[in-house]
Amino acid sequence: MRRILTVIACSTMVSTFALAADWSGALLDGSCYDRQFQQIKDMQKAAEACTASSQTTAFALQASGKVFKFDATGNSKAMAALKNHADRVDPSKSQSSTINAKVEGTENAGTIKVESVEVQ
């Protein structure tokens, strides 16, 4: 019985890790994006208007021609990563308005259950 439970537990963990994926793209203000997209119905223009900032509380990621929202944990991790990135930025160098990020997690119905966020 113990072996069976061990095999089941191991196979469950392996299948969970198999579903994890990585995305790289532009970090967006999710609330702003929703408002802009409802008004103009153009994903690219809405994304360009809604770059994430230090004031952002709901994040999204534009990657692979889609926009994915973050879960609550992902929003917290993105805020921390954005703050950490801002602390490392050299103010003497010009910065791009787009903030790129690499996100690892699992996607379900357009929402990423975020495991990690790295602002680049």
N, C-alpha and C. Protein backbone atom coordinates (compact mmCIF):
# COMPACT_ATOMS: atom_id res chain seq x y z
N MET A 1 0.83 -1.19 0.00
CA MET A 1 0.00 0.00 0.00
C MET A 1 0.87 1.26 0.00
N ARG A 2 1.94 1.22 0.78
CA ARG A 2 2.83 2.38 0.87
C ARG A 2 3.50 2.65 -0.48
N ARG A 3 3.91 1.59 -1.17
CA ARG A 3 4.52 1.75 -2.49
C ARG A 3 3.56 2.36 -3.48
N ILE A 4 2.34 1.93 -3.45
CA ILE A 4 1.33 2.46 -4.37
C ILE A 4 1.14 3.96 -4.14
N LEU A 5 1.03 4.36 -2.88
CA LEU A 5 0.86 5.78 -2.58
C LEU A 5 2.08 6.59 -3.00
N THR A 6 3.26 6.02 -2.82
CA THR A 6 4.50 6.70 -3.24
C THR A 6 4.53 6.88 -4.75
N VAL A 7 4.16 5.85 -5.49
CA VAL A 7 4.13 5.93 -6.95
C VAL A 7 3.11 6.96 -7.41
N ILE A 8 1.96 6.98 -6.80
CA ILE A 8 0.91 7.95 -7.18
C ILE A 8 1.38 9.37 -6.88
N ALA A 9 1.98 9.57 -5.71
CA ALA A 9 2.47 10.91 -5.34
C ALA A 9 3.54 11.39 -6.31
N CYS A 10 4.46 10.51 -6.66
CA CYS A 10 5.54 10.89 -7.59
C CYS A 10 5.00 11.20 -8.97
N SER A 11 4.08 10.42 -9.45
CA SER A 11 3.52 10.67 -10.78
C SER A 11 2.72 11.97 -10.81
N THR A 12 2.05 12.29 -9.72
CA THR A 12 1.31 13.55 -9.64
C THR A 12 2.26 14.74 -9.69
N MET A 13 3.36 14.66 -8.96
CA MET A 13 4.34 15.75 -8.97
C MET A 13 4.96 15.92 -10.35
N VAL A 14 5.30 14.84 -10.99
CA VAL A 14 5.91 14.91 -12.32
C VAL A 14 4.95 15.51 -13.32
N SER A 15 3.68 15.14 -13.26
CA SER A 15 2.71 15.68 -14.21
C SER A 15 2.46 17.16 -13.95
N THR A 16 2.52 17.59 -12.70
CA THR A 16 2.36 19.01 -12.39
C THR A 16 3.51 19.82 -12.98
N PHE A 17 4.74 19.34 -12.83
CA PHE A 17 5.89 20.04 -13.38
C PHE A 17 5.88 20.03 -14.90
N ALA A 18 5.31 19.03 -15.49
CA ALA A 18 5.25 18.94 -16.95
C ALA A 18 4.36 20.03 -17.53
N LEU A 19 3.40 20.51 -16.77
CA LEU A 19 2.48 21.55 -17.26
C LEU A 19 3.06 22.95 -17.12
N ALA A 20 4.10 23.11 -16.34
CA ALA A 20 4.70 24.42 -16.15
C ALA A 20 5.31 24.90 -17.47
N ALA A 21 5.25 26.21 -17.68
CA ALA A 21 5.77 26.79 -18.91
C ALA A 21 6.44 28.12 -18.59
N ASP A 22 7.20 28.62 -19.56
CA ASP A 22 7.85 29.92 -19.45
C ASP A 22 7.30 30.84 -20.53
N TRP A 23 7.13 32.10 -20.18
CA TRP A 23 6.74 33.12 -21.14
C TRP A 23 7.66 34.31 -20.96
N SER A 24 8.00 34.95 -22.05
CA SER A 24 8.77 36.19 -22.01
C SER A 24 8.01 37.21 -22.83
N GLY A 25 7.91 38.41 -22.30
CA GLY A 25 7.20 39.46 -23.02
C GLY A 25 7.11 40.73 -22.21
N ALA A 26 6.21 41.60 -22.64
CA ALA A 26 6.04 42.91 -22.01
C ALA A 26 5.14 42.80 -20.78
N LEU A 27 5.61 43.36 -19.67
CA LEU A 27 4.84 43.39 -18.43
C LEU A 27 3.88 44.57 -18.51
N LEU A 28 2.59 44.28 -18.29
CA LEU A 28 1.55 45.29 -18.44
C LEU A 28 0.80 45.54 -17.14
N ASP A 29 0.17 46.71 -17.06
CA ASP A 29 -0.79 47.01 -16.01
C ASP A 29 -2.10 46.35 -16.46
N GLY A 30 -2.51 45.29 -15.78
CA GLY A 30 -3.67 44.51 -16.20
C GLY A 30 -4.97 45.29 -16.18
N SER A 31 -5.19 46.13 -15.18
CA SER A 31 -6.42 46.92 -15.09
C SER A 31 -6.50 47.93 -16.23
N CYS A 32 -5.40 48.61 -16.48
CA CYS A 32 -5.33 49.58 -17.57
C CYS A 32 -5.58 48.88 -18.90
N TYR A 33 -4.95 47.73 -19.09
CA TYR A 33 -5.12 46.99 -20.34
C TYR A 33 -6.59 46.63 -20.57
N ASP A 34 -7.26 46.15 -19.54
CA ASP A 34 -8.68 45.78 -19.68
C ASP A 34 -9.52 46.98 -20.12
N ARG A 35 -9.29 48.14 -19.48
CA ARG A 35 -10.04 49.35 -19.84
C ARG A 35 -9.75 49.78 -21.27
N GLN A 36 -8.46 49.83 -21.62
CA GLN A 36 -8.07 50.27 -22.96
C GLN A 36 -8.59 49.32 -24.04
N PHE A 37 -8.50 48.02 -23.80
CA PHE A 37 -8.94 47.05 -24.80
C PHE A 37 -10.44 47.14 -25.01
N GLN A 38 -11.20 47.38 -23.95
CA GLN A 38 -12.66 47.53 -24.10
C GLN A 38 -13.00 48.76 -24.94
N GLN A 39 -12.19 49.81 -24.84
CA GLN A 39 -12.46 51.04 -25.58
C GLN A 39 -12.03 50.95 -27.03
N ILE A 40 -10.81 50.47 -27.29
CA ILE A 40 -10.28 50.55 -28.65
C ILE A 40 -10.25 49.23 -29.40
N LYS A 41 -10.45 48.11 -28.70
CA LYS A 41 -10.52 46.78 -29.33
C LYS A 41 -9.28 46.42 -30.15
N ASP A 42 -8.13 46.94 -29.74
CA ASP A 42 -6.87 46.64 -30.42
C ASP A 42 -5.85 46.24 -29.36
N MET A 43 -5.48 44.95 -29.37
CA MET A 43 -4.60 44.43 -28.34
C MET A 43 -3.26 45.16 -28.31
N GLN A 44 -2.66 45.39 -29.46
CA GLN A 44 -1.34 46.01 -29.52
C GLN A 44 -1.36 47.44 -28.99
N LYS A 45 -2.34 48.23 -29.41
CA LYS A 45 -2.42 49.62 -28.94
C LYS A 45 -2.74 49.68 -27.45
N ALA A 46 -3.60 48.79 -26.98
CA ALA A 46 -3.93 48.76 -25.55
C ALA A 46 -2.70 48.38 -24.74
N ALA A 47 -1.93 47.44 -25.23
CA ALA A 47 -0.71 47.02 -24.52
C ALA A 47 0.32 48.14 -24.49
N GLU A 48 0.48 48.86 -25.59
CA GLU A 48 1.45 49.96 -25.65
C GLU A 48 1.09 51.07 -24.67
N ALA A 49 -0.20 51.26 -24.43
CA ALA A 49 -0.66 52.33 -23.54
C ALA A 49 -0.59 51.94 -22.06
N CYS A 50 -0.31 50.67 -21.78
CA CYS A 50 -0.45 50.19 -20.40
C CYS A 50 0.79 49.48 -19.86
N THR A 51 1.94 50.08 -20.00
CA THR A 51 3.16 49.52 -19.43
C THR A 51 3.05 49.51 -17.91
N ALA A 52 3.51 48.45 -17.29
CA ALA A 52 3.47 48.34 -15.84
C ALA A 52 4.35 49.41 -15.20
N SER A 53 3.98 49.82 -14.01
CA SER A 53 4.75 50.81 -13.27
C SER A 53 4.81 50.40 -11.80
N SER A 54 5.46 51.21 -10.99
CA SER A 54 5.55 50.92 -9.56
C SER A 54 4.18 51.05 -8.88
N GLN A 55 3.23 51.68 -9.54
CA GLN A 55 1.88 51.85 -8.99
C GLN A 55 0.94 50.70 -9.36
N THR A 56 1.39 49.81 -10.24
CA THR A 56 0.56 48.71 -10.73
C THR A 56 0.31 47.69 -9.63
N THR A 57 -0.95 47.24 -9.53
CA THR A 57 -1.29 46.20 -8.55
C THR A 57 -1.81 44.93 -9.22
N ALA A 58 -2.30 45.03 -10.45
CA ALA A 58 -2.78 43.87 -11.20
C ALA A 58 -1.98 43.80 -12.49
N PHE A 59 -1.24 42.73 -12.67
CA PHE A 59 -0.32 42.60 -13.79
C PHE A 59 -0.84 41.66 -14.86
N ALA A 60 -0.31 41.87 -16.06
CA ALA A 60 -0.57 40.98 -17.20
C ALA A 60 0.73 40.91 -18.00
N LEU A 61 0.81 39.92 -18.86
CA LEU A 61 2.00 39.73 -19.68
C LEU A 61 1.56 39.56 -21.12
N GLN A 62 2.15 40.37 -22.02
CA GLN A 62 1.89 40.21 -23.45
C GLN A 62 3.01 39.35 -24.01
N ALA A 63 2.64 38.14 -24.43
CA ALA A 63 3.63 37.19 -24.95
C ALA A 63 2.97 36.31 -25.99
N SER A 64 3.71 35.99 -27.02
CA SER A 64 3.24 35.08 -28.07
C SER A 64 1.92 35.54 -28.69
N GLY A 65 1.76 36.84 -28.82
CA GLY A 65 0.55 37.38 -29.46
C GLY A 65 -0.69 37.31 -28.60
N LYS A 66 -0.53 37.05 -27.30
CA LYS A 66 -1.66 36.98 -26.37
C LYS A 66 -1.34 37.80 -25.13
N VAL A 67 -2.38 38.09 -24.36
CA VAL A 67 -2.19 38.77 -23.09
C VAL A 67 -2.71 37.83 -22.00
N PHE A 68 -1.85 37.54 -21.04
CA PHE A 68 -2.18 36.65 -19.94
C PHE A 68 -2.23 37.45 -18.65
N LYS A 69 -3.27 37.27 -17.85
CA LYS A 69 -3.36 37.92 -16.55
C LYS A 69 -2.64 37.07 -15.52
N PHE A 70 -2.22 37.71 -14.41
CA PHE A 70 -1.55 37.00 -13.33
C PHE A 70 -2.57 36.69 -12.23
N ASP A 71 -2.32 35.60 -11.50
CA ASP A 71 -3.13 35.31 -10.32
C ASP A 71 -2.68 36.25 -9.19
N ALA A 72 -3.35 36.18 -8.04
CA ALA A 72 -3.04 37.09 -6.92
C ALA A 72 -1.60 36.93 -6.46
N THR A 73 -1.12 35.70 -6.37
CA THR A 73 0.26 35.46 -5.97
C THR A 73 1.22 36.04 -7.00
N GLY A 74 0.88 35.88 -8.26
CA GLY A 74 1.70 36.43 -9.34
C GLY A 74 1.79 37.94 -9.28
N ASN A 75 0.68 38.59 -8.93
CA ASN A 75 0.70 40.04 -8.79
C ASN A 75 1.68 40.47 -7.71
N SER A 76 1.68 39.76 -6.59
CA SER A 76 2.61 40.07 -5.49
C SER A 76 4.06 39.85 -5.93
N LYS A 77 4.30 38.74 -6.63
CA LYS A 77 5.66 38.45 -7.09
C LYS A 77 6.12 39.46 -8.14
N ALA A 78 5.21 39.90 -9.00
CA ALA A 78 5.57 40.89 -10.02
C ALA A 78 5.88 42.24 -9.38
N MET A 79 5.11 42.63 -8.35
CA MET A 79 5.40 43.88 -7.64
C MET A 79 6.80 43.83 -7.03
N ALA A 80 7.13 42.72 -6.39
CA ALA A 80 8.44 42.58 -5.77
C ALA A 80 9.56 42.59 -6.82
N ALA A 81 9.35 41.90 -7.93
CA ALA A 81 10.36 41.86 -8.99
C ALA A 81 10.55 43.23 -9.62
N LEU A 82 9.46 43.96 -9.80
CA LEU A 82 9.54 45.30 -10.38
C LEU A 82 10.27 46.24 -9.44
N LYS A 83 9.98 46.16 -8.15
CA LYS A 83 10.68 46.99 -7.17
C LYS A 83 12.17 46.65 -7.13
N ASN A 84 12.48 45.36 -7.15
CA ASN A 84 13.88 44.91 -7.13
C ASN A 84 14.60 45.42 -8.39
N HIS A 85 13.93 45.37 -9.52
CA HIS A 85 14.52 45.85 -10.77
C HIS A 85 14.77 47.36 -10.70
N ALA A 86 13.81 48.10 -10.16
CA ALA A 86 13.95 49.55 -10.05
C ALA A 86 15.12 49.93 -9.15
N ASP A 87 15.37 49.11 -8.13
CA ASP A 87 16.49 49.38 -7.22
C ASP A 87 17.83 49.19 -7.91
N ARG A 88 17.87 48.37 -8.97
CA ARG A 88 19.12 48.06 -9.67
C ARG A 88 19.35 48.93 -10.91
N VAL A 89 18.37 49.73 -11.32
CA VAL A 89 18.47 50.52 -12.55
C VAL A 89 19.42 51.69 -12.35
N ASP A 90 20.27 51.93 -13.33
CA ASP A 90 21.20 53.05 -13.32
C ASP A 90 20.46 54.27 -13.87
N PRO A 91 20.19 55.28 -13.03
CA PRO A 91 19.42 56.44 -13.48
C PRO A 91 20.12 57.28 -14.55
N SER A 92 21.43 57.13 -14.71
CA SER A 92 22.16 57.91 -15.71
C SER A 92 21.95 57.38 -17.12
N LYS A 93 21.44 56.15 -17.25
CA LYS A 93 21.19 55.57 -18.57
C LYS A 93 19.73 55.71 -18.94
N SER A 94 19.47 55.95 -20.23
CA SER A 94 18.08 56.07 -20.68
C SER A 94 17.43 54.69 -20.64
N GLN A 95 16.17 54.67 -20.25
CA GLN A 95 15.44 53.42 -20.11
C GLN A 95 14.31 53.35 -21.13
N SER A 96 14.06 52.15 -21.62
CA SER A 96 12.94 51.91 -22.53
C SER A 96 11.65 51.99 -21.73
N SER A 97 10.58 52.42 -22.37
CA SER A 97 9.29 52.49 -21.67
C SER A 97 8.69 51.11 -21.47
N THR A 98 9.10 50.12 -22.27
CA THR A 98 8.59 48.76 -22.13
C THR A 98 9.39 48.01 -21.08
N ILE A 99 8.67 47.33 -20.20
CA ILE A 99 9.32 46.50 -19.19
C ILE A 99 9.12 45.06 -19.60
N ASN A 100 10.21 44.37 -19.84
CA ASN A 100 10.14 42.96 -20.24
C ASN A 100 10.32 42.07 -19.02
N ALA A 101 9.65 40.92 -19.06
CA ALA A 101 9.72 39.99 -17.95
C ALA A 101 9.70 38.56 -18.46
N LYS A 102 10.29 37.69 -17.67
CA LYS A 102 10.23 36.26 -17.92
C LYS A 102 9.41 35.67 -16.78
N VAL A 103 8.35 34.94 -17.13
CA VAL A 103 7.43 34.41 -16.15
C VAL A 103 7.38 32.89 -16.28
N GLU A 104 7.42 32.21 -15.15
CA GLU A 104 7.29 30.76 -15.13
C GLU A 104 6.05 30.41 -14.33
N GLY A 105 5.25 29.50 -14.86
CA GLY A 105 4.04 29.09 -14.16
C GLY A 105 3.18 28.20 -15.02
N THR A 106 1.92 28.09 -14.65
CA THR A 106 0.97 27.29 -15.42
C THR A 106 -0.19 28.19 -15.82
N GLU A 107 -0.67 27.99 -17.04
CA GLU A 107 -1.73 28.83 -17.59
C GLU A 107 -3.04 28.06 -17.59
N ASN A 108 -4.11 28.75 -17.21
CA ASN A 108 -5.44 28.18 -17.24
C ASN A 108 -6.43 29.28 -17.61
N ALA A 109 -7.04 29.15 -18.76
CA ALA A 109 -8.07 30.08 -19.22
C ALA A 109 -7.58 31.53 -19.25
N GLY A 110 -6.36 31.75 -19.71
CA GLY A 110 -5.85 33.11 -19.86
C GLY A 110 -5.23 33.71 -18.62
N THR A 111 -5.18 32.95 -17.53
CA THR A 111 -4.56 33.42 -16.29
C THR A 111 -3.38 32.53 -15.97
N ILE A 112 -2.26 33.16 -15.64
CA ILE A 112 -1.06 32.40 -15.27
C ILE A 112 -0.99 32.29 -13.76
N LYS A 113 -0.88 31.05 -13.29
CA LYS A 113 -0.58 30.81 -11.88
C LYS A 113 0.94 30.90 -11.78
N VAL A 114 1.41 32.02 -11.32
CA VAL A 114 2.83 32.37 -11.40
C VAL A 114 3.65 31.67 -10.33
N GLU A 115 4.75 31.06 -10.77
CA GLU A 115 5.73 30.48 -9.87
C GLU A 115 6.90 31.44 -9.67
N SER A 116 7.31 32.13 -10.73
CA SER A 116 8.39 33.11 -10.60
C SER A 116 8.26 34.18 -11.68
N VAL A 117 8.76 35.38 -11.34
CA VAL A 117 8.78 36.52 -12.27
C VAL A 117 10.18 37.12 -12.21
N GLU A 118 10.76 37.33 -13.38
CA GLU A 118 12.06 37.97 -13.46
C GLU A 118 11.94 39.16 -14.42
N VAL A 119 12.07 40.37 -13.88
CA VAL A 119 12.02 41.58 -14.71
C VAL A 119 13.38 41.76 -15.33
N GLN A 120 13.42 41.98 -16.65
CA GLN A 120 14.68 42.06 -17.36
C GLN A 120 15.01 43.49 -17.76
